[in-house]
Amino acid sequence: MKRIVIFASGSGTNAENIIKYFQSTQTAVVTHVLSNNEYAKVFDRCEQLEIEASLFDKESLTKDDTVLNFLQVEADIIVLAGFLWRIPSKIVEAFPNKIINIHPALLPKYGGKGMYGMNVHKAVKENKDAETGITIHYVNENYDEGAVIFQAKTAVSKSDTVDEIAKKVHELEYKHFPKIIEEVILKNE
């Protein structure tokens, strides 16, 4: 069974969805959740699901090898589920095509530093886009520039509020993210 470590910075709804999905498969298991935000609700979700979760700081991610060393022991695949920091080159190089991210837009639209969550949905609304969606992609050294694995689209009507757009995108995330992670794992065995 492959071991998944999830990185999350916020509420952890995607992390919870992924954990629950893999609890009912023989493909992989989520062994740990790492967060850079001590106030992240993902810690509460992990406690309820009895999944180990740890807090780390920028230095242990970028300067020393604390996070890298941990991952080399604990992870076969890394999943970013609402994680807002850029992954350093040394981790990308240690896990080639084994770090997966989800972005709440159809990349290359609305990608890059600062483009996450409601910032993306506001941009979709302001630009009067007729559709939006999700992009699941491999992680490289740059924000949202790794090879695309999967995209799913949803229509956006002129009357949709930013919150309604966000809800449509979240539904796509919950429906597709765990299944695509599993497909990637099975393809790489």
C-alpha atoms as a PDB file:
ATOM      1  CA  MET A   1       0.000   0.000   0.000  1.00  0.00           C
ATOM      2  CA  LYS A   2       1.340   3.419  -0.972  1.00  0.00           C
ATOM      3  CA  ARG A   3       1.738   6.053   1.724  1.00  0.00           C
ATOM      4  CA  ILE A   4       0.304   9.538   1.162  1.00  0.00           C
ATOM      5  CA  VAL A   5       1.358  12.628   3.081  1.00  0.00           C
ATOM      6  CA  ILE A   6      -0.956  15.609   2.642  1.00  0.00           C
ATOM      7  CA  PHE A   7       0.103  19.247   2.952  1.00  0.00           C
ATOM      8  CA  ALA A   8      -2.725  21.630   3.937  1.00  0.00           C
ATOM      9  CA  SER A   9      -2.879  25.251   5.097  1.00  0.00           C
ATOM     10  CA  GLY A  10      -6.569  25.805   5.806  1.00  0.00           C
ATOM     11  CA  SER A  11      -9.863  24.186   6.652  1.00  0.00           C
ATOM     12  CA  GLY A  12      -8.885  20.771   5.346  1.00  0.00           C
ATOM     13  CA  THR A  13     -12.086  19.769   3.552  1.00  0.00           C
ATOM     14  CA  ASN A  14     -10.140  18.313   0.631  1.00  0.00           C
ATOM     15  CA  ALA A  15      -7.731  16.586   3.023  1.00  0.00           C
ATOM     16  CA  GLU A  16     -10.662  15.038   4.888  1.00  0.00           C
ATOM     17  CA  ASN A  17     -12.252  13.903   1.618  1.00  0.00           C
ATOM     18  CA  ILE A  18      -8.983  12.277   0.503  1.00  0.00           C
ATOM     19  CA  ILE A  19      -8.422  10.587   3.887  1.00  0.00           C
ATOM     20  CA  LYS A  20     -11.940   9.123   3.887  1.00  0.00           C
ATOM     21  CA  TYR A  21     -11.644   7.967   0.275  1.00  0.00           C
ATOM     22  CA  PHE A  22      -8.426   6.049   0.892  1.00  0.00           C
ATOM     23  CA  GLN A  23      -9.740   4.522   4.126  1.00  0.00           C
ATOM     24  CA  SER A  24     -11.996   2.433   1.877  1.00  0.00           C
ATOM     25  CA  THR A  25      -9.397   1.344  -0.706  1.00  0.00           C
ATOM     26  CA  GLN A  26      -6.429  -0.993  -0.834  1.00  0.00           C
ATOM     27  CA  THR A  27      -4.423   1.393  -3.026  1.00  0.00           C
ATOM     28  CA  ALA A  28      -3.002   3.811  -0.467  1.00  0.00           C
ATOM     29  CA  VAL A  29      -3.330   5.207   3.010  1.00  0.00           C
ATOM     30  CA  VAL A  30      -2.913   8.749   4.269  1.00  0.00           C
ATOM     31  CA  THR A  31      -0.257   8.420   6.953  1.00  0.00           C
ATOM     32  CA  HIS A  32       0.209  12.048   7.927  1.00  0.00           C
ATOM     33  CA  VAL A  33      -0.935  15.627   7.344  1.00  0.00           C
ATOM     34  CA  LEU A  34       1.544  18.493   7.499  1.00  0.00           C
ATOM     35  CA  SER A  35       0.486  22.110   7.944  1.00  0.00           C
ATOM     36  CA  ASN A  36       2.246  25.438   8.059  1.00  0.00           C
ATOM     37  CA  ASN A  37      -0.672  27.102   9.880  1.00  0.00           C
ATOM     38  CA  GLU A  38      -1.106  26.433  13.583  1.00  0.00           C
ATOM     39  CA  TYR A  39      -4.724  27.684  13.377  1.00  0.00           C
ATOM     40  CA  ALA A  40      -5.687  25.478  10.419  1.00  0.00           C
ATOM     41  CA  LYS A  41      -8.938  23.596  10.919  1.00  0.00           C
ATOM     42  CA  VAL A  42      -7.293  20.606   9.223  1.00  0.00           C
ATOM     43  CA  PHE A  43      -5.828  19.716  12.651  1.00  0.00           C
ATOM     44  CA  ASP A  44      -9.351  19.256  14.080  1.00  0.00           C
ATOM     45  CA  ARG A  45     -10.360  17.122  11.106  1.00  0.00           C
ATOM     46  CA  CYS A  46      -7.259  14.934  11.508  1.00  0.00           C
ATOM     47  CA  GLU A  47      -7.950  14.458  15.200  1.00  0.00           C
ATOM     48  CA  GLN A  48     -11.511  13.316  14.437  1.00  0.00           C
ATOM     49  CA  LEU A  49     -10.235  10.944  11.729  1.00  0.00           C
ATOM     50  CA  GLU A  50      -7.350   9.700  13.914  1.00  0.00           C
ATOM     51  CA  ILE A  51      -4.705  10.792  11.410  1.00  0.00           C
ATOM     52  CA  GLU A  52      -1.355  12.109  12.606  1.00  0.00           C
ATOM     53  CA  ALA A  53      -0.867  15.828  11.882  1.00  0.00           C
ATOM     54  CA  SER A  54       2.146  18.058  12.448  1.00  0.00           C
ATOM     55  CA  LEU A  55       2.944  21.736  12.273  1.00  0.00           C
ATOM     56  CA  PHE A  56       6.112  22.898  10.536  1.00  0.00           C
ATOM     57  CA  ASP A  57       7.718  26.247   9.796  1.00  0.00           C
ATOM     58  CA  LYS A  58       9.305  27.802   6.723  1.00  0.00           C
ATOM     59  CA  GLU A  59      12.839  27.030   7.891  1.00  0.00           C
ATOM     60  CA  SER A  60      12.167  23.297   8.277  1.00  0.00           C
ATOM     61  CA  LEU A  61      10.720  23.291   4.743  1.00  0.00           C
ATOM     62  CA  THR A  62      13.308  25.416   2.959  1.00  0.00           C
ATOM     63  CA  LYS A  63      16.514  25.889   4.958  1.00  0.00           C
ATOM     64  CA  ASP A  64      17.147  22.657   6.817  1.00  0.00           C
ATOM     65  CA  ASP A  65      16.075  19.187   5.707  1.00  0.00           C
ATOM     66  CA  THR A  66      13.571  18.412   8.477  1.00  0.00           C
ATOM     67  CA  VAL A  67      10.529  18.155   6.180  1.00  0.00           C
ATOM     68  CA  LEU A  68      12.482  16.469   3.378  1.00  0.00           C
ATOM     69  CA  ASN A  69      13.904  13.842   5.757  1.00  0.00           C
ATOM     70  CA  PHE A  70      10.433  13.188   7.179  1.00  0.00           C
ATOM     71  CA  LEU A  71       8.944  12.769   3.696  1.00  0.00           C
ATOM     72  CA  GLN A  72      11.689  10.390   2.583  1.00  0.00           C
ATOM     73  CA  VAL A  73      10.736   8.066   5.450  1.00  0.00           C
ATOM     74  CA  GLU A  74       6.946   8.550   5.484  1.00  0.00           C
ATOM     75  CA  ALA A  75       5.748   9.273   1.916  1.00  0.00           C
ATOM     76  CA  ASP A  76       5.483   7.531  -1.409  1.00  0.00           C
ATOM     77  CA  ILE A  77       3.331  10.336  -2.770  1.00  0.00           C
ATOM     78  CA  ILE A  78       2.674  13.888  -1.607  1.00  0.00           C
ATOM     79  CA  VAL A  79      -0.643  15.665  -2.084  1.00  0.00           C
ATOM     80  CA  LEU A  80      -1.115  19.418  -1.746  1.00  0.00           C
ATOM     81  CA  ALA A  81      -4.685  20.088  -0.647  1.00  0.00           C
ATOM     82  CA  GLY A  82      -5.023  23.811  -0.125  1.00  0.00           C
ATOM     83  CA  PHE A  83      -1.365  24.322   0.675  1.00  0.00           C
ATOM     84  CA  LEU A  84      -0.188  27.865  -0.029  1.00  0.00           C
ATOM     85  CA  TRP A  85       3.624  27.757   0.034  1.00  0.00           C
ATOM     86  CA  ARG A  86       5.839  26.911  -2.902  1.00  0.00           C
ATOM     87  CA  ILE A  87       7.497  23.492  -2.610  1.00  0.00           C
ATOM     88  CA  PRO A  88      11.304  23.847  -2.658  1.00  0.00           C
ATOM     89  CA  SER A  89      13.359  22.332  -5.480  1.00  0.00           C
ATOM     90  CA  LYS A  90      15.060  19.801  -3.203  1.00  0.00           C
ATOM     91  CA  ILE A  91      11.690  18.191  -2.380  1.00  0.00           C
ATOM     92  CA  VAL A  92      10.476  18.343  -6.001  1.00  0.00           C
ATOM     93  CA  GLU A  93      13.715  16.636  -7.103  1.00  0.00           C
ATOM     94  CA  ALA A  94      13.410  13.961  -4.394  1.00  0.00           C
ATOM     95  CA  PHE A  95       9.817  13.148  -5.468  1.00  0.00           C
ATOM     96  CA  PRO A  96       9.692  13.481  -9.278  1.00  0.00           C
ATOM     97  CA  ASN A  97       6.101  13.199 -10.524  1.00  0.00           C
ATOM     98  CA  LYS A  98       5.054  12.197  -7.012  1.00  0.00           C
ATOM     99  CA  ILE A  99       3.759  15.563  -5.788  1.00  0.00           C
ATOM    100  CA  ILE A 100       0.201  16.377  -6.848  1.00  0.00           C
ATOM    101  CA  ASN A 101      -1.645  19.676  -6.412  1.00  0.00           C
ATOM    102  CA  ILE A 102      -5.166  20.827  -7.101  1.00  0.00           C
ATOM    103  CA  HIS A 103      -5.891  24.340  -8.358  1.00  0.00           C
ATOM    104  CA  PRO A 104      -9.386  25.894  -8.318  1.00  0.00           C
ATOM    105  CA  ALA A 105      -9.257  27.098 -11.942  1.00  0.00           C
ATOM    106  CA  LEU A 106      -8.547  25.865 -15.424  1.00  0.00           C
ATOM    107  CA  LEU A 107      -4.810  26.462 -15.621  1.00  0.00           C
ATOM    108  CA  PRO A 108      -3.033  28.288 -17.137  1.00  0.00           C
ATOM    109  CA  LYS A 109      -5.787  30.780 -16.246  1.00  0.00           C
ATOM    110  CA  TYR A 110      -5.585  32.295 -12.767  1.00  0.00           C
ATOM    111  CA  GLY A 111      -2.448  30.520 -11.614  1.00  0.00           C
ATOM    112  CA  GLY A 112       0.612  31.800  -9.789  1.00  0.00           C
ATOM    113  CA  LYS A 113       1.497  33.364  -6.468  1.00  0.00           C
ATOM    114  CA  GLY A 114      -1.503  34.747  -4.624  1.00  0.00           C
ATOM    115  CA  MET A 115      -4.004  32.969  -6.856  1.00  0.00           C
ATOM    116  CA  TYR A 116      -5.808  30.615  -4.506  1.00  0.00           C
ATOM    117  CA  GLY A 117      -9.280  30.128  -3.080  1.00  0.00           C
ATOM    118  CA  MET A 118     -11.612  33.092  -3.260  1.00  0.00           C
ATOM    119  CA  ASN A 119      -8.989  35.181  -5.101  1.00  0.00           C
ATOM    120  CA  VAL A 120      -9.393  32.829  -8.058  1.00  0.00           C
ATOM    121  CA  HIS A 121     -13.198  32.789  -7.920  1.00  0.00           C
ATOM    122  CA  LYS A 122     -13.333  36.605  -7.756  1.00  0.00           C
ATOM    123  CA  ALA A 123     -11.105  36.784 -10.848  1.00  0.00           C
ATOM    124  CA  VAL A 124     -13.393  34.368 -12.712  1.00  0.00           C
ATOM    125  CA  LYS A 125     -16.424  36.532 -11.798  1.00  0.00           C
ATOM    126  CA  GLU A 126     -14.699  39.845 -12.642  1.00  0.00           C
ATOM    127  CA  ASN A 127     -13.600  38.528 -16.039  1.00  0.00           C
ATOM    128  CA  LYS A 128     -17.124  37.243 -16.775  1.00  0.00           C
ATOM    129  CA  ASP A 129     -15.818  33.783 -17.664  1.00  0.00           C
ATOM    130  CA  ALA A 130     -18.455  31.372 -18.981  1.00  0.00           C
ATOM    131  CA  GLU A 131     -16.731  28.414 -17.324  1.00  0.00           C
ATOM    132  CA  THR A 132     -14.259  27.550 -14.624  1.00  0.00           C
ATOM    133  CA  GLY A 133     -13.146  24.342 -13.009  1.00  0.00           C
ATOM    134  CA  ILE A 134     -10.270  22.491 -11.431  1.00  0.00           C
ATOM    135  CA  THR A 135      -6.811  21.493 -12.543  1.00  0.00           C
ATOM    136  CA  ILE A 136      -4.974  18.603 -10.923  1.00  0.00           C
ATOM    137  CA  HIS A 137      -1.295  18.799 -11.799  1.00  0.00           C
ATOM    138  CA  TYR A 138       2.172  17.646 -10.873  1.00  0.00           C
ATOM    139  CA  VAL A 139       4.187  20.115  -8.821  1.00  0.00           C
ATOM    140  CA  ASN A 140       7.408  21.650 -10.063  1.00  0.00           C
ATOM    141  CA  GLU A 141       9.485  24.528  -8.685  1.00  0.00           C
ATOM    142  CA  ASN A 142       7.006  27.197  -9.864  1.00  0.00           C
ATOM    143  CA  TYR A 143       3.477  27.939  -8.712  1.00  0.00           C
ATOM    144  CA  ASP A 144       0.889  26.128 -10.846  1.00  0.00           C
ATOM    145  CA  GLU A 145       3.203  25.334 -13.757  1.00  0.00           C
ATOM    146  CA  GLY A 146       3.615  21.557 -13.438  1.00  0.00           C
ATOM    147  CA  ALA A 147       2.257  19.150 -16.049  1.00  0.00           C
ATOM    148  CA  VAL A 148      -1.533  18.890 -16.064  1.00  0.00           C
ATOM    149  CA  ILE A 149      -2.916  15.491 -15.052  1.00  0.00           C
ATOM    150  CA  PHE A 150      -6.647  16.250 -15.210  1.00  0.00           C
ATOM    151  CA  GLN A 151      -9.114  19.101 -15.641  1.00  0.00           C
ATOM    152  CA  ALA A 152     -12.869  19.271 -15.034  1.00  0.00           C
ATOM    153  CA  LYS A 153     -15.113  22.169 -16.036  1.00  0.00           C
ATOM    154  CA  THR A 154     -18.305  23.740 -14.771  1.00  0.00           C
ATOM    155  CA  ALA A 155     -20.449  26.457 -16.325  1.00  0.00           C
ATOM    156  CA  VAL A 156     -20.560  29.907 -14.764  1.00  0.00           C
ATOM    157  CA  SER A 157     -23.654  32.011 -15.310  1.00  0.00           C
ATOM    158  CA  LYS A 158     -23.644  35.803 -15.184  1.00  0.00           C
ATOM    159  CA  SER A 159     -25.851  35.674 -12.094  1.00  0.00           C
ATOM    160  CA  ASP A 160     -23.505  33.383 -10.117  1.00  0.00           C
ATOM    161  CA  THR A 161     -22.023  35.002  -7.040  1.00  0.00           C
ATOM    162  CA  VAL A 162     -18.407  34.398  -6.054  1.00  0.00           C
ATOM    163  CA  ASP A 163     -19.648  32.032  -3.328  1.00  0.00           C
ATOM    164  CA  GLU A 164     -21.742  30.090  -5.851  1.00  0.00           C
ATOM    165  CA  ILE A 165     -18.721  29.776  -8.139  1.00  0.00           C
ATOM    166  CA  ALA A 166     -16.662  28.521  -5.192  1.00  0.00           C
ATOM    167  CA  LYS A 167     -19.352  25.936  -4.347  1.00  0.00           C
ATOM    168  CA  LYS A 168     -19.352  24.591  -7.929  1.00  0.00           C
ATOM    169  CA  VAL A 169     -15.554  24.299  -7.894  1.00  0.00           C
ATOM    170  CA  HIS A 170     -15.544  22.575  -4.482  1.00  0.00           C
ATOM    171  CA  GLU A 171     -18.003  19.991  -5.788  1.00  0.00           C
ATOM    172  CA  LEU A 172     -15.592  19.197  -8.642  1.00  0.00           C
ATOM    173  CA  GLU A 173     -12.686  18.950  -6.176  1.00  0.00           C
ATOM    174  CA  TYR A 174     -14.515  16.514  -3.911  1.00  0.00           C
ATOM    175  CA  LYS A 175     -15.722  14.404  -6.839  1.00  0.00           C
ATOM    176  CA  HIS A 176     -12.443  14.106  -8.749  1.00  0.00           C
ATOM    177  CA  PHE A 177      -9.371  14.734  -6.566  1.00  0.00           C
ATOM    178  CA  PRO A 178      -9.221  11.403  -4.657  1.00  0.00           C
ATOM    179  CA  LYS A 179      -9.986   9.354  -7.782  1.00  0.00           C
ATOM    180  CA  ILE A 180      -7.277  11.097  -9.819  1.00  0.00           C
ATOM    181  CA  ILE A 181      -4.741  10.598  -7.001  1.00  0.00           C
ATOM    182  CA  GLU A 182      -5.603   6.895  -7.031  1.00  0.00           C
ATOM    183  CA  GLU A 183      -5.252   6.736 -10.838  1.00  0.00           C
ATOM    184  CA  VAL A 184      -1.796   8.335 -10.619  1.00  0.00           C
ATOM    185  CA  ILE A 185      -0.727   5.846  -7.937  1.00  0.00           C
ATOM    186  CA  LEU A 186      -1.980   2.864  -9.941  1.00  0.00           C
ATOM    187  CA  LYS A 187      -0.372   4.139 -13.148  1.00  0.00           C
ATOM    188  CA  ASN A 188       3.032   4.497 -11.439  1.00  0.00           C
ATOM    189  CA  GLU A 189       3.114   1.061  -9.816  1.00  0.00           C
END
